[in-house]
N, C-alpha and C. Protein backbone atom coordinates (compact mmCIF):
# COMPACT_ATOMS: atom_id res chain seq x y z
N UNK A 1 29.40 -34.43 -66.13
CA UNK A 1 28.06 -34.57 -66.81
C UNK A 1 27.96 -33.54 -67.78
N UNK A 2 27.34 -33.99 -68.82
CA UNK A 2 27.16 -33.13 -69.96
C UNK A 2 25.72 -32.40 -69.73
N UNK A 3 25.81 -31.05 -70.14
CA UNK A 3 24.58 -30.23 -70.01
C UNK A 3 24.10 -30.03 -71.52
N UNK A 4 22.84 -30.11 -71.60
CA UNK A 4 22.12 -29.98 -72.96
C UNK A 4 21.23 -28.57 -73.02
N UNK A 5 21.16 -27.97 -74.01
CA UNK A 5 20.36 -26.77 -74.29
C UNK A 5 19.15 -27.29 -75.01
N UNK A 6 17.99 -26.90 -74.43
CA UNK A 6 16.79 -27.30 -75.07
C UNK A 6 16.49 -26.32 -76.16
N UNK A 7 15.87 -26.93 -77.07
CA UNK A 7 15.45 -26.08 -78.37
C UNK A 7 14.29 -25.29 -77.98
N UNK A 8 13.49 -25.70 -77.01
CA UNK A 8 12.28 -24.89 -76.60
C UNK A 8 12.80 -24.03 -75.54
N UNK A 9 12.45 -22.70 -75.68
CA UNK A 9 12.79 -21.60 -74.86
C UNK A 9 11.55 -21.40 -73.96
N UNK A 10 11.80 -21.64 -72.51
CA UNK A 10 10.79 -21.40 -71.66
C UNK A 10 11.35 -20.69 -70.45
N UNK A 11 12.24 -21.31 -69.64
CA UNK A 11 12.61 -20.70 -68.43
C UNK A 11 14.02 -20.93 -68.25
N UNK A 12 14.71 -20.24 -67.36
CA UNK A 12 16.07 -20.34 -67.12
C UNK A 12 16.57 -20.08 -65.52
N UNK A 13 17.80 -20.08 -65.45
CA UNK A 13 18.26 -19.97 -64.09
C UNK A 13 18.79 -18.53 -63.99
N UNK A 14 19.32 -18.27 -62.77
CA UNK A 14 19.70 -16.78 -62.63
C UNK A 14 20.74 -16.28 -63.38
N UNK A 15 20.56 -14.85 -63.66
CA UNK A 15 21.48 -14.01 -64.40
C UNK A 15 22.28 -13.33 -63.30
N UNK A 16 23.65 -12.98 -63.61
CA UNK A 16 24.40 -12.22 -62.81
C UNK A 16 24.91 -11.08 -63.84
N UNK A 17 24.83 -9.89 -63.32
CA UNK A 17 25.06 -8.76 -64.24
C UNK A 17 25.44 -7.67 -63.28
N UNK A 18 26.55 -7.17 -63.33
CA UNK A 18 26.92 -5.86 -62.58
C UNK A 18 26.84 -4.60 -63.37
N UNK A 19 26.75 -3.53 -62.74
CA UNK A 19 26.55 -2.35 -63.43
C UNK A 19 25.30 -1.95 -64.03
N UNK A 20 24.21 -2.54 -63.60
CA UNK A 20 22.97 -2.32 -64.38
C UNK A 20 22.44 -1.02 -64.22
N UNK A 21 22.67 -0.41 -63.17
CA UNK A 21 22.18 1.08 -63.01
C UNK A 21 22.83 1.84 -64.15
N UNK A 22 24.02 1.48 -64.76
CA UNK A 22 24.53 2.21 -65.89
C UNK A 22 24.09 1.87 -67.13
N UNK A 23 23.49 0.46 -67.28
CA UNK A 23 23.23 -0.02 -68.63
C UNK A 23 21.71 0.18 -68.87
N UNK A 24 20.73 0.01 -68.03
CA UNK A 24 19.32 0.22 -68.11
C UNK A 24 18.94 1.34 -69.00
N UNK A 25 19.59 2.61 -68.68
CA UNK A 25 19.10 3.70 -69.38
C UNK A 25 19.45 3.73 -70.85
N UNK A 26 20.31 2.84 -71.21
CA UNK A 26 20.76 2.90 -72.73
C UNK A 26 20.16 1.80 -73.45
N UNK A 27 19.24 0.85 -72.81
CA UNK A 27 18.43 0.03 -73.72
C UNK A 27 17.36 0.73 -74.13
N UNK A 28 16.97 0.43 -75.48
CA UNK A 28 16.11 1.28 -76.27
C UNK A 28 14.91 1.75 -75.71
N UNK A 29 14.10 0.80 -75.05
CA UNK A 29 12.82 1.18 -74.56
C UNK A 29 12.97 1.55 -73.09
N UNK A 30 14.23 1.63 -72.47
CA UNK A 30 14.34 2.18 -71.10
C UNK A 30 13.42 1.47 -70.14
N UNK A 31 13.51 0.15 -69.95
CA UNK A 31 12.72 -0.35 -68.93
C UNK A 31 13.22 -0.08 -67.52
N UNK A 32 12.23 -0.35 -66.58
CA UNK A 32 12.64 -0.17 -65.14
C UNK A 32 13.13 -1.54 -64.58
N UNK A 33 12.57 -2.57 -65.32
CA UNK A 33 13.07 -3.90 -64.93
C UNK A 33 13.17 -4.73 -66.13
N UNK A 34 13.97 -5.87 -66.09
CA UNK A 34 13.95 -6.84 -67.19
C UNK A 34 13.76 -8.16 -66.42
N UNK A 35 12.79 -8.96 -66.98
CA UNK A 35 12.61 -10.25 -66.32
C UNK A 35 12.26 -11.29 -67.43
N UNK A 36 12.26 -12.56 -67.02
CA UNK A 36 11.88 -13.59 -68.18
C UNK A 36 10.41 -13.48 -68.33
N UNK A 37 9.93 -13.70 -69.43
CA UNK A 37 8.54 -13.76 -69.89
C UNK A 37 7.69 -14.60 -68.91
N UNK A 38 6.49 -14.02 -68.72
CA UNK A 38 5.46 -14.84 -67.74
C UNK A 38 5.39 -16.02 -68.41
N UNK A 39 5.22 -17.09 -67.58
CA UNK A 39 4.95 -18.45 -67.94
C UNK A 39 3.52 -18.87 -67.53
N UNK A 40 2.76 -19.45 -68.40
CA UNK A 40 1.45 -20.08 -68.13
C UNK A 40 1.71 -21.48 -67.59
N UNK A 41 1.50 -21.57 -66.19
CA UNK A 41 1.74 -22.89 -65.47
C UNK A 41 0.50 -23.75 -65.54
N UNK A 42 -0.57 -23.47 -66.25
CA UNK A 42 -1.71 -24.19 -66.36
C UNK A 42 -1.56 -25.58 -67.08
N UNK A 43 -0.66 -25.62 -68.12
CA UNK A 43 -0.45 -27.01 -68.64
C UNK A 43 0.32 -27.91 -67.71
N UNK A 44 1.10 -27.36 -66.72
CA UNK A 44 1.90 -28.15 -65.82
C UNK A 44 0.97 -28.76 -64.79
N UNK A 45 0.66 -30.06 -64.73
CA UNK A 45 -0.14 -30.67 -63.95
C UNK A 45 -1.46 -30.17 -63.89
N UNK A 46 -1.99 -29.46 -64.90
CA UNK A 46 -3.32 -28.83 -65.14
C UNK A 46 -3.79 -28.26 -63.91
N UNK A 47 -3.03 -27.11 -63.39
CA UNK A 47 -3.65 -26.42 -62.25
C UNK A 47 -4.51 -25.38 -62.82
N UNK A 48 -5.46 -24.94 -62.03
CA UNK A 48 -6.38 -23.99 -62.37
C UNK A 48 -5.94 -22.62 -61.71
N UNK A 49 -5.17 -22.54 -60.84
CA UNK A 49 -4.56 -21.33 -60.15
C UNK A 49 -3.27 -21.64 -59.49
N UNK A 50 -2.68 -20.50 -59.01
CA UNK A 50 -1.31 -20.80 -58.48
C UNK A 50 -1.27 -21.45 -57.17
N UNK A 51 -2.35 -21.55 -56.32
CA UNK A 51 -2.37 -22.30 -55.12
C UNK A 51 -2.30 -23.83 -55.52
N UNK A 52 -2.92 -24.22 -56.41
CA UNK A 52 -2.88 -25.59 -57.01
C UNK A 52 -1.43 -25.87 -57.53
N UNK A 53 -0.87 -24.83 -58.24
CA UNK A 53 0.49 -24.99 -58.82
C UNK A 53 1.38 -25.16 -57.58
N UNK A 54 1.29 -24.67 -56.50
CA UNK A 54 2.31 -24.75 -55.49
C UNK A 54 2.32 -26.26 -54.88
N UNK A 55 1.18 -26.74 -54.65
CA UNK A 55 1.16 -28.16 -54.11
C UNK A 55 0.99 -29.32 -55.05
N UNK A 56 0.71 -28.95 -56.39
CA UNK A 56 0.61 -30.02 -57.32
C UNK A 56 1.78 -30.17 -58.22
N UNK A 57 2.45 -28.92 -58.56
CA UNK A 57 3.61 -29.01 -59.47
C UNK A 57 4.96 -28.74 -58.88
N UNK A 58 4.93 -28.18 -57.79
CA UNK A 58 6.23 -27.86 -57.02
C UNK A 58 6.60 -29.17 -56.31
N UNK A 59 7.68 -29.77 -56.53
CA UNK A 59 8.10 -30.94 -55.92
C UNK A 59 7.97 -30.84 -54.34
N UNK A 60 7.11 -31.69 -53.76
CA UNK A 60 7.03 -32.08 -52.31
C UNK A 60 6.48 -31.02 -51.55
N UNK A 61 5.75 -29.98 -52.18
CA UNK A 61 5.13 -28.83 -51.46
C UNK A 61 3.80 -29.14 -50.85
N UNK A 62 3.45 -28.55 -49.75
CA UNK A 62 2.33 -28.73 -48.99
C UNK A 62 1.36 -27.68 -48.95
N UNK A 63 0.03 -28.09 -49.08
CA UNK A 63 -1.00 -27.19 -49.01
C UNK A 63 -1.21 -26.33 -47.81
N UNK A 64 -0.77 -26.88 -46.68
CA UNK A 64 -0.81 -26.02 -45.48
C UNK A 64 0.22 -25.07 -45.35
N UNK A 65 1.39 -25.20 -46.07
CA UNK A 65 2.42 -24.16 -46.09
C UNK A 65 1.68 -22.98 -47.06
N UNK A 66 1.23 -23.33 -48.13
CA UNK A 66 0.69 -22.26 -48.89
C UNK A 66 -0.42 -21.43 -48.08
N UNK A 67 -1.14 -22.19 -47.39
CA UNK A 67 -2.08 -21.44 -46.59
C UNK A 67 -1.61 -20.57 -45.60
N UNK A 68 -0.39 -20.96 -45.06
CA UNK A 68 0.22 -19.96 -44.09
C UNK A 68 0.78 -18.77 -44.85
N UNK A 69 1.25 -19.15 -45.98
CA UNK A 69 1.77 -17.95 -46.83
C UNK A 69 0.70 -16.95 -47.21
N UNK A 70 -0.39 -17.51 -47.50
CA UNK A 70 -1.66 -16.83 -47.92
C UNK A 70 -2.13 -16.03 -46.71
N UNK A 71 -2.32 -16.61 -45.54
CA UNK A 71 -2.78 -15.84 -44.33
C UNK A 71 -1.73 -14.62 -44.06
N UNK A 72 -0.40 -14.85 -44.13
CA UNK A 72 0.50 -13.79 -43.93
C UNK A 72 0.38 -12.79 -44.93
N UNK A 73 0.15 -13.02 -46.24
CA UNK A 73 0.04 -11.98 -47.32
C UNK A 73 -1.25 -11.11 -47.03
N UNK A 74 -2.33 -11.95 -46.69
CA UNK A 74 -3.63 -11.36 -46.43
C UNK A 74 -3.66 -10.37 -45.26
N UNK A 75 -2.92 -10.75 -44.23
CA UNK A 75 -3.09 -10.14 -42.92
C UNK A 75 -1.94 -9.01 -42.76
N UNK A 76 -0.69 -9.26 -43.18
CA UNK A 76 0.34 -8.38 -42.81
C UNK A 76 0.79 -7.46 -44.02
N UNK A 77 0.33 -7.68 -45.15
CA UNK A 77 0.82 -7.18 -46.45
C UNK A 77 -0.36 -6.49 -47.10
N UNK A 78 -1.01 -5.62 -46.54
CA UNK A 78 -2.27 -5.02 -47.00
C UNK A 78 -2.05 -4.38 -48.47
N UNK A 79 -0.93 -3.76 -48.54
CA UNK A 79 -0.77 -3.02 -49.75
C UNK A 79 -0.64 -3.96 -51.10
N UNK A 80 -0.33 -5.37 -50.73
CA UNK A 80 -0.34 -6.35 -51.79
C UNK A 80 -1.49 -7.07 -51.80
N UNK A 81 -2.40 -7.06 -51.01
CA UNK A 81 -3.57 -7.84 -50.84
C UNK A 81 -4.31 -8.21 -52.20
N UNK A 82 -4.57 -7.03 -52.87
CA UNK A 82 -5.43 -7.17 -54.11
C UNK A 82 -4.56 -7.97 -55.15
N UNK A 83 -3.34 -7.46 -55.35
CA UNK A 83 -2.50 -8.18 -56.26
C UNK A 83 -2.05 -9.83 -55.91
N UNK A 84 -2.10 -10.01 -54.65
CA UNK A 84 -1.96 -11.31 -54.22
C UNK A 84 -3.12 -12.14 -54.68
N UNK A 85 -4.29 -11.71 -54.43
CA UNK A 85 -5.42 -12.44 -54.71
C UNK A 85 -5.58 -12.66 -56.24
N UNK A 86 -5.30 -11.55 -56.94
CA UNK A 86 -5.26 -11.73 -58.40
C UNK A 86 -4.24 -12.93 -58.93
N UNK A 87 -3.00 -12.90 -58.26
CA UNK A 87 -2.00 -13.85 -58.56
C UNK A 87 -2.35 -15.18 -58.29
N UNK A 88 -3.02 -15.32 -57.13
CA UNK A 88 -3.41 -16.77 -56.74
C UNK A 88 -4.47 -17.27 -57.68
N UNK A 89 -5.40 -16.32 -58.16
CA UNK A 89 -6.53 -16.86 -58.95
C UNK A 89 -6.24 -16.92 -60.39
N UNK A 90 -4.95 -16.61 -60.69
CA UNK A 90 -4.40 -16.66 -62.19
C UNK A 90 -3.47 -17.79 -62.36
N UNK A 91 -2.93 -17.98 -63.47
CA UNK A 91 -1.98 -19.12 -63.65
C UNK A 91 -0.73 -18.61 -64.44
N UNK A 92 -0.33 -17.45 -64.27
CA UNK A 92 0.89 -16.82 -64.79
C UNK A 92 1.86 -16.47 -63.84
N UNK A 93 3.14 -16.68 -64.08
CA UNK A 93 4.12 -16.29 -63.09
C UNK A 93 5.36 -15.92 -63.84
N UNK A 94 6.35 -15.13 -63.19
CA UNK A 94 7.55 -14.82 -63.65
C UNK A 94 8.63 -15.80 -62.93
N UNK A 95 9.01 -16.74 -63.71
CA UNK A 95 9.89 -17.92 -63.13
C UNK A 95 11.19 -17.63 -62.77
N UNK A 96 11.70 -18.38 -61.96
CA UNK A 96 13.29 -18.49 -61.58
C UNK A 96 13.80 -17.39 -60.93
N UNK A 97 12.93 -16.50 -60.44
CA UNK A 97 13.49 -15.36 -59.71
C UNK A 97 14.51 -14.56 -60.22
N UNK A 98 14.44 -14.52 -61.51
CA UNK A 98 15.55 -13.85 -62.43
C UNK A 98 15.13 -12.52 -62.95
N UNK A 99 15.97 -11.41 -62.66
CA UNK A 99 15.64 -10.25 -63.06
C UNK A 99 16.80 -9.41 -63.24
N UNK A 100 16.65 -8.22 -63.86
CA UNK A 100 17.67 -7.18 -63.80
C UNK A 100 16.88 -5.90 -63.50
N UNK A 101 17.36 -5.25 -62.36
CA UNK A 101 16.66 -3.98 -61.95
C UNK A 101 17.66 -3.05 -61.30
N UNK A 102 17.38 -1.81 -61.41
CA UNK A 102 18.28 -0.81 -60.63
C UNK A 102 18.38 -1.12 -59.15
N UNK A 103 19.33 -0.63 -58.50
CA UNK A 103 19.62 -0.97 -57.12
C UNK A 103 18.44 -0.40 -56.28
N UNK A 104 17.79 0.75 -56.48
CA UNK A 104 16.69 1.11 -55.57
C UNK A 104 15.46 0.24 -55.59
N UNK A 105 15.08 -0.20 -57.00
CA UNK A 105 14.12 -1.18 -57.08
C UNK A 105 14.46 -2.56 -56.47
N UNK A 106 15.72 -2.89 -56.54
CA UNK A 106 16.15 -4.23 -56.11
C UNK A 106 16.01 -4.09 -54.46
N UNK A 107 16.41 -3.21 -53.97
CA UNK A 107 16.34 -2.99 -52.46
C UNK A 107 14.88 -2.96 -51.96
N UNK A 108 14.03 -2.42 -52.77
CA UNK A 108 12.59 -2.52 -52.49
C UNK A 108 11.96 -3.68 -52.42
N UNK A 109 12.29 -4.50 -53.60
CA UNK A 109 12.01 -5.87 -53.87
C UNK A 109 12.59 -6.71 -52.58
N UNK A 110 13.85 -6.52 -52.31
CA UNK A 110 14.47 -7.33 -51.27
C UNK A 110 13.66 -7.14 -49.91
N UNK A 111 13.42 -6.08 -49.65
CA UNK A 111 12.62 -5.70 -48.32
C UNK A 111 11.38 -6.41 -48.15
N UNK A 112 10.54 -6.29 -49.36
CA UNK A 112 9.33 -6.95 -49.42
C UNK A 112 9.60 -8.62 -49.33
N UNK A 113 10.53 -9.13 -50.19
CA UNK A 113 10.62 -10.64 -50.33
C UNK A 113 11.16 -11.16 -48.79
N UNK A 114 12.18 -10.54 -48.37
CA UNK A 114 12.60 -10.99 -47.03
C UNK A 114 11.68 -10.81 -45.86
N UNK A 115 10.86 -9.83 -45.88
CA UNK A 115 10.02 -9.57 -44.85
C UNK A 115 8.84 -10.66 -44.85
N UNK A 116 8.42 -11.03 -46.00
CA UNK A 116 7.38 -12.08 -46.22
C UNK A 116 8.10 -13.48 -45.81
N UNK A 117 9.13 -13.74 -46.48
CA UNK A 117 9.89 -14.96 -46.16
C UNK A 117 10.17 -15.19 -44.63
N UNK A 118 10.58 -14.06 -43.90
CA UNK A 118 10.98 -14.27 -42.63
C UNK A 118 9.70 -14.59 -41.72
N UNK A 119 8.52 -13.95 -42.16
CA UNK A 119 7.21 -14.32 -41.30
C UNK A 119 6.80 -15.75 -41.68
N UNK A 120 6.94 -16.20 -42.99
CA UNK A 120 6.46 -17.44 -43.27
C UNK A 120 7.31 -18.53 -42.56
N UNK A 121 8.72 -18.25 -42.62
CA UNK A 121 9.51 -19.14 -41.96
C UNK A 121 9.31 -19.34 -40.55
N UNK A 122 9.05 -18.23 -39.85
CA UNK A 122 8.69 -18.28 -38.40
C UNK A 122 7.41 -18.98 -38.05
N UNK A 123 6.45 -18.92 -38.95
CA UNK A 123 5.12 -19.40 -38.85
C UNK A 123 5.02 -21.03 -39.19
N UNK A 124 6.08 -21.45 -39.96
CA UNK A 124 5.87 -22.81 -40.45
C UNK A 124 6.97 -23.78 -39.60
N UNK A 125 6.48 -24.91 -39.02
CA UNK A 125 7.41 -25.64 -38.35
C UNK A 125 7.95 -26.72 -39.37
N UNK A 126 9.13 -26.47 -39.92
CA UNK A 126 9.82 -27.25 -40.86
C UNK A 126 10.73 -28.29 -40.37
N UNK A 127 10.77 -28.51 -39.06
CA UNK A 127 11.72 -29.42 -38.47
C UNK A 127 11.64 -30.86 -38.84
N UNK A 128 10.38 -31.17 -39.34
CA UNK A 128 10.48 -32.47 -39.71
C UNK A 128 10.08 -32.64 -41.19
N UNK A 129 10.30 -31.55 -41.97
CA UNK A 129 10.17 -31.57 -43.49
C UNK A 129 11.30 -32.42 -44.14
N UNK A 130 10.92 -33.08 -45.02
CA UNK A 130 11.82 -33.87 -46.00
C UNK A 130 12.71 -32.96 -46.85
N UNK A 131 13.71 -33.53 -47.52
CA UNK A 131 14.45 -32.57 -48.41
C UNK A 131 13.70 -31.84 -49.53
N UNK A 132 12.64 -32.36 -49.88
CA UNK A 132 11.75 -31.70 -50.94
C UNK A 132 10.97 -30.59 -50.24
N UNK A 133 10.32 -30.93 -49.16
CA UNK A 133 9.35 -30.10 -48.45
C UNK A 133 10.19 -28.79 -47.97
N UNK A 134 11.50 -29.01 -47.56
CA UNK A 134 12.18 -27.90 -46.95
C UNK A 134 12.57 -26.80 -47.92
N UNK A 135 12.19 -27.00 -49.24
CA UNK A 135 12.44 -26.05 -50.25
C UNK A 135 11.29 -24.91 -50.38
N UNK A 136 10.42 -25.08 -49.40
CA UNK A 136 9.25 -24.17 -49.60
C UNK A 136 9.58 -22.68 -49.60
N UNK A 137 10.45 -22.11 -48.79
CA UNK A 137 10.78 -20.69 -48.91
C UNK A 137 11.38 -20.32 -50.35
N UNK A 138 12.00 -21.27 -51.01
CA UNK A 138 12.56 -21.05 -52.33
C UNK A 138 11.40 -20.75 -53.37
N UNK A 139 10.40 -21.63 -53.17
CA UNK A 139 9.23 -21.64 -54.06
C UNK A 139 8.34 -20.40 -53.80
N UNK A 140 8.15 -20.11 -52.49
CA UNK A 140 7.34 -18.98 -52.18
C UNK A 140 8.12 -17.71 -52.70
N UNK A 141 9.45 -17.74 -52.46
CA UNK A 141 10.36 -16.57 -53.02
C UNK A 141 10.09 -16.29 -54.52
N UNK A 142 9.88 -17.29 -55.25
CA UNK A 142 9.64 -17.23 -56.74
C UNK A 142 8.31 -16.60 -57.01
N UNK A 143 7.30 -16.95 -56.12
CA UNK A 143 6.00 -16.46 -56.28
C UNK A 143 6.10 -14.81 -55.83
N UNK A 144 6.82 -14.61 -55.00
CA UNK A 144 6.86 -13.12 -54.54
C UNK A 144 7.46 -12.40 -55.58
N UNK A 145 8.35 -12.73 -56.41
CA UNK A 145 8.82 -11.73 -57.53
C UNK A 145 7.58 -11.63 -58.42
N UNK A 146 6.92 -12.57 -58.71
CA UNK A 146 5.67 -12.40 -59.54
C UNK A 146 4.70 -11.35 -58.96
N UNK A 147 4.45 -11.39 -57.68
CA UNK A 147 3.53 -10.61 -57.05
C UNK A 147 4.06 -9.08 -57.01
N UNK A 148 5.33 -9.03 -56.67
CA UNK A 148 5.92 -7.77 -56.79
C UNK A 148 5.87 -7.01 -58.10
N UNK A 149 6.20 -7.78 -59.21
CA UNK A 149 6.11 -7.15 -60.58
C UNK A 149 4.70 -6.94 -60.97
N UNK A 150 3.75 -7.77 -60.73
CA UNK A 150 2.57 -7.52 -60.97
C UNK A 150 1.98 -6.28 -60.33
N UNK A 151 2.27 -6.09 -59.03
CA UNK A 151 1.93 -4.82 -58.29
C UNK A 151 2.60 -3.65 -59.01
N UNK A 152 3.83 -3.68 -59.28
CA UNK A 152 4.55 -2.56 -60.02
C UNK A 152 3.75 -2.22 -61.43
N UNK A 153 3.38 -3.44 -62.02
CA UNK A 153 2.72 -3.07 -63.44
C UNK A 153 1.40 -2.41 -63.32
N UNK A 154 0.88 -2.24 -62.09
CA UNK A 154 -0.35 -1.42 -61.85
C UNK A 154 -0.07 0.00 -62.18
N UNK A 155 1.06 0.36 -62.03
CA UNK A 155 1.61 1.78 -62.26
C UNK A 155 1.87 1.77 -63.80
N UNK A 156 0.96 2.67 -64.60
CA UNK A 156 1.27 2.74 -66.05
C UNK A 156 2.62 3.23 -66.48
N UNK A 157 3.40 3.86 -65.63
CA UNK A 157 4.63 4.39 -65.82
C UNK A 157 5.67 3.37 -65.58
N UNK A 158 5.48 2.30 -65.08
CA UNK A 158 6.51 1.29 -64.72
C UNK A 158 6.64 0.45 -66.10
N UNK A 159 7.88 0.19 -66.65
CA UNK A 159 8.17 -0.45 -67.75
C UNK A 159 8.88 -1.74 -67.48
N UNK A 160 8.30 -2.93 -67.99
CA UNK A 160 8.87 -4.26 -67.69
C UNK A 160 9.18 -4.78 -68.96
N UNK A 161 10.57 -5.22 -69.20
CA UNK A 161 10.79 -5.73 -70.42
C UNK A 161 10.90 -7.21 -70.18
N UNK A 162 10.14 -8.04 -70.88
CA UNK A 162 10.06 -9.56 -70.91
C UNK A 162 10.91 -10.21 -71.76
N UNK A 163 11.87 -10.97 -71.55
CA UNK A 163 12.72 -11.56 -72.39
C UNK A 163 12.60 -13.05 -72.32
N UNK A 164 12.84 -13.73 -73.48
CA UNK A 164 12.95 -15.20 -73.37
C UNK A 164 14.00 -15.82 -72.48
N UNK A 165 13.67 -16.89 -71.94
CA UNK A 165 14.79 -17.56 -71.15
C UNK A 165 15.14 -19.04 -71.71
N UNK A 166 16.10 -19.71 -71.06
CA UNK A 166 16.47 -21.01 -71.68
C UNK A 166 16.58 -21.89 -70.59
N UNK A 167 15.87 -23.13 -70.53
CA UNK A 167 16.08 -24.03 -69.58
C UNK A 167 17.34 -25.03 -69.83
N UNK A 168 18.20 -25.04 -68.98
CA UNK A 168 19.40 -25.88 -69.34
C UNK A 168 19.38 -27.02 -68.26
N UNK A 169 19.46 -28.33 -68.75
CA UNK A 169 19.29 -29.45 -67.88
C UNK A 169 20.56 -30.29 -68.15
N UNK A 170 20.97 -31.14 -67.32
CA UNK A 170 21.80 -32.17 -67.44
C UNK A 170 21.15 -33.40 -68.07
N UNK A 171 19.81 -33.46 -67.92
CA UNK A 171 19.10 -34.62 -68.49
C UNK A 171 18.00 -34.22 -69.35
N UNK A 172 18.45 -33.94 -70.49
CA UNK A 172 17.49 -33.45 -71.37
C UNK A 172 16.45 -34.31 -71.76
N UNK A 173 16.81 -35.60 -71.77
CA UNK A 173 15.77 -36.59 -72.12
C UNK A 173 14.58 -36.70 -71.26
N UNK A 174 14.89 -36.64 -69.89
CA UNK A 174 13.83 -36.46 -68.95
C UNK A 174 12.98 -35.26 -69.13
N UNK A 175 13.67 -34.17 -69.36
CA UNK A 175 12.86 -32.80 -69.57
C UNK A 175 12.00 -32.94 -70.82
N UNK A 176 12.50 -33.47 -71.91
CA UNK A 176 11.66 -33.71 -73.16
C UNK A 176 10.49 -34.66 -72.73
N UNK A 177 10.62 -35.61 -72.18
CA UNK A 177 9.64 -36.56 -71.87
C UNK A 177 8.49 -35.84 -71.04
N UNK A 178 8.90 -35.14 -70.02
CA UNK A 178 8.12 -34.40 -69.14
C UNK A 178 7.21 -33.35 -69.84
N UNK A 179 7.95 -32.55 -70.83
CA UNK A 179 7.14 -31.61 -71.60
C UNK A 179 6.14 -32.31 -72.43
N UNK A 180 6.50 -33.48 -73.06
CA UNK A 180 5.58 -34.20 -73.95
C UNK A 180 4.32 -34.50 -73.17
N UNK A 181 4.59 -35.03 -71.83
CA UNK A 181 3.41 -35.60 -71.00
C UNK A 181 2.57 -34.30 -70.57
N UNK A 182 3.36 -33.12 -70.30
CA UNK A 182 2.29 -31.96 -70.01
C UNK A 182 1.64 -31.58 -71.20
N UNK A 183 2.24 -31.52 -72.27
CA UNK A 183 1.39 -31.12 -73.44
C UNK A 183 0.35 -32.23 -73.91
N UNK A 184 0.53 -33.37 -73.63
CA UNK A 184 -0.66 -34.34 -73.85
C UNK A 184 -1.73 -34.18 -72.81
N UNK A 185 -1.36 -33.98 -71.67
CA UNK A 185 -2.33 -33.93 -70.53
C UNK A 185 -3.12 -32.65 -70.91
N UNK A 186 -2.36 -31.59 -71.31
CA UNK A 186 -3.20 -30.35 -71.56
C UNK A 186 -4.10 -30.54 -72.76
N UNK A 187 -3.67 -31.24 -73.73
CA UNK A 187 -4.63 -31.40 -74.83
C UNK A 187 -5.78 -32.24 -74.46
N UNK A 188 -5.64 -33.34 -73.55
CA UNK A 188 -6.67 -34.25 -73.23
C UNK A 188 -7.66 -33.40 -72.34
N UNK A 189 -7.24 -32.50 -71.30
CA UNK A 189 -7.97 -32.06 -70.30
C UNK A 189 -8.43 -30.74 -70.69
N UNK A 190 -7.59 -29.79 -71.43
CA UNK A 190 -8.29 -28.53 -71.88
C UNK A 190 -8.35 -28.09 -73.24
N UNK A 191 -7.88 -29.17 -74.08
CA UNK A 191 -8.04 -29.15 -75.46
C UNK A 191 -7.04 -28.02 -76.17
N UNK A 192 -6.07 -27.79 -75.55
CA UNK A 192 -4.97 -26.98 -76.23
C UNK A 192 -3.69 -27.56 -76.35
């Protein structure tokens, strides 16, 4: 199958880069982390917040799963509680779980990510989930990168460099139609 490159720069898939601990100090503005630019998800299915985004825009996702995730974050991750509430009530996220960061920050993020995912996985009975619903941990993982970075950005010394990404699709025509639909819905419903 042929892959097409969208002229519109929005999101992308994972980057793989080795030796980043040696490279980051030589980037001009010396960031602590590099990630794709925040994406405003409001135009996608016209969500007002990230909770709605989870079960309206993410394929096959369920409200009860998000509520379980929310309960775990509020109960067991007190140091992230305020940032989580801000994230849920906003409509911006760092997509695709794509980043470049030094090893120590990566291990800190990994510890947070897998601690949350492990608890959510144990709390949700996914034994009867269909093939779309079963992807819930991947979608929550994507949210956790945003929560982690928003938490880090509360420290004025933390430097995040945001870069454009590119969405690559085998079916460019479907992607373009979907984006036209989202833009039209956004104009009709919110006037932008």
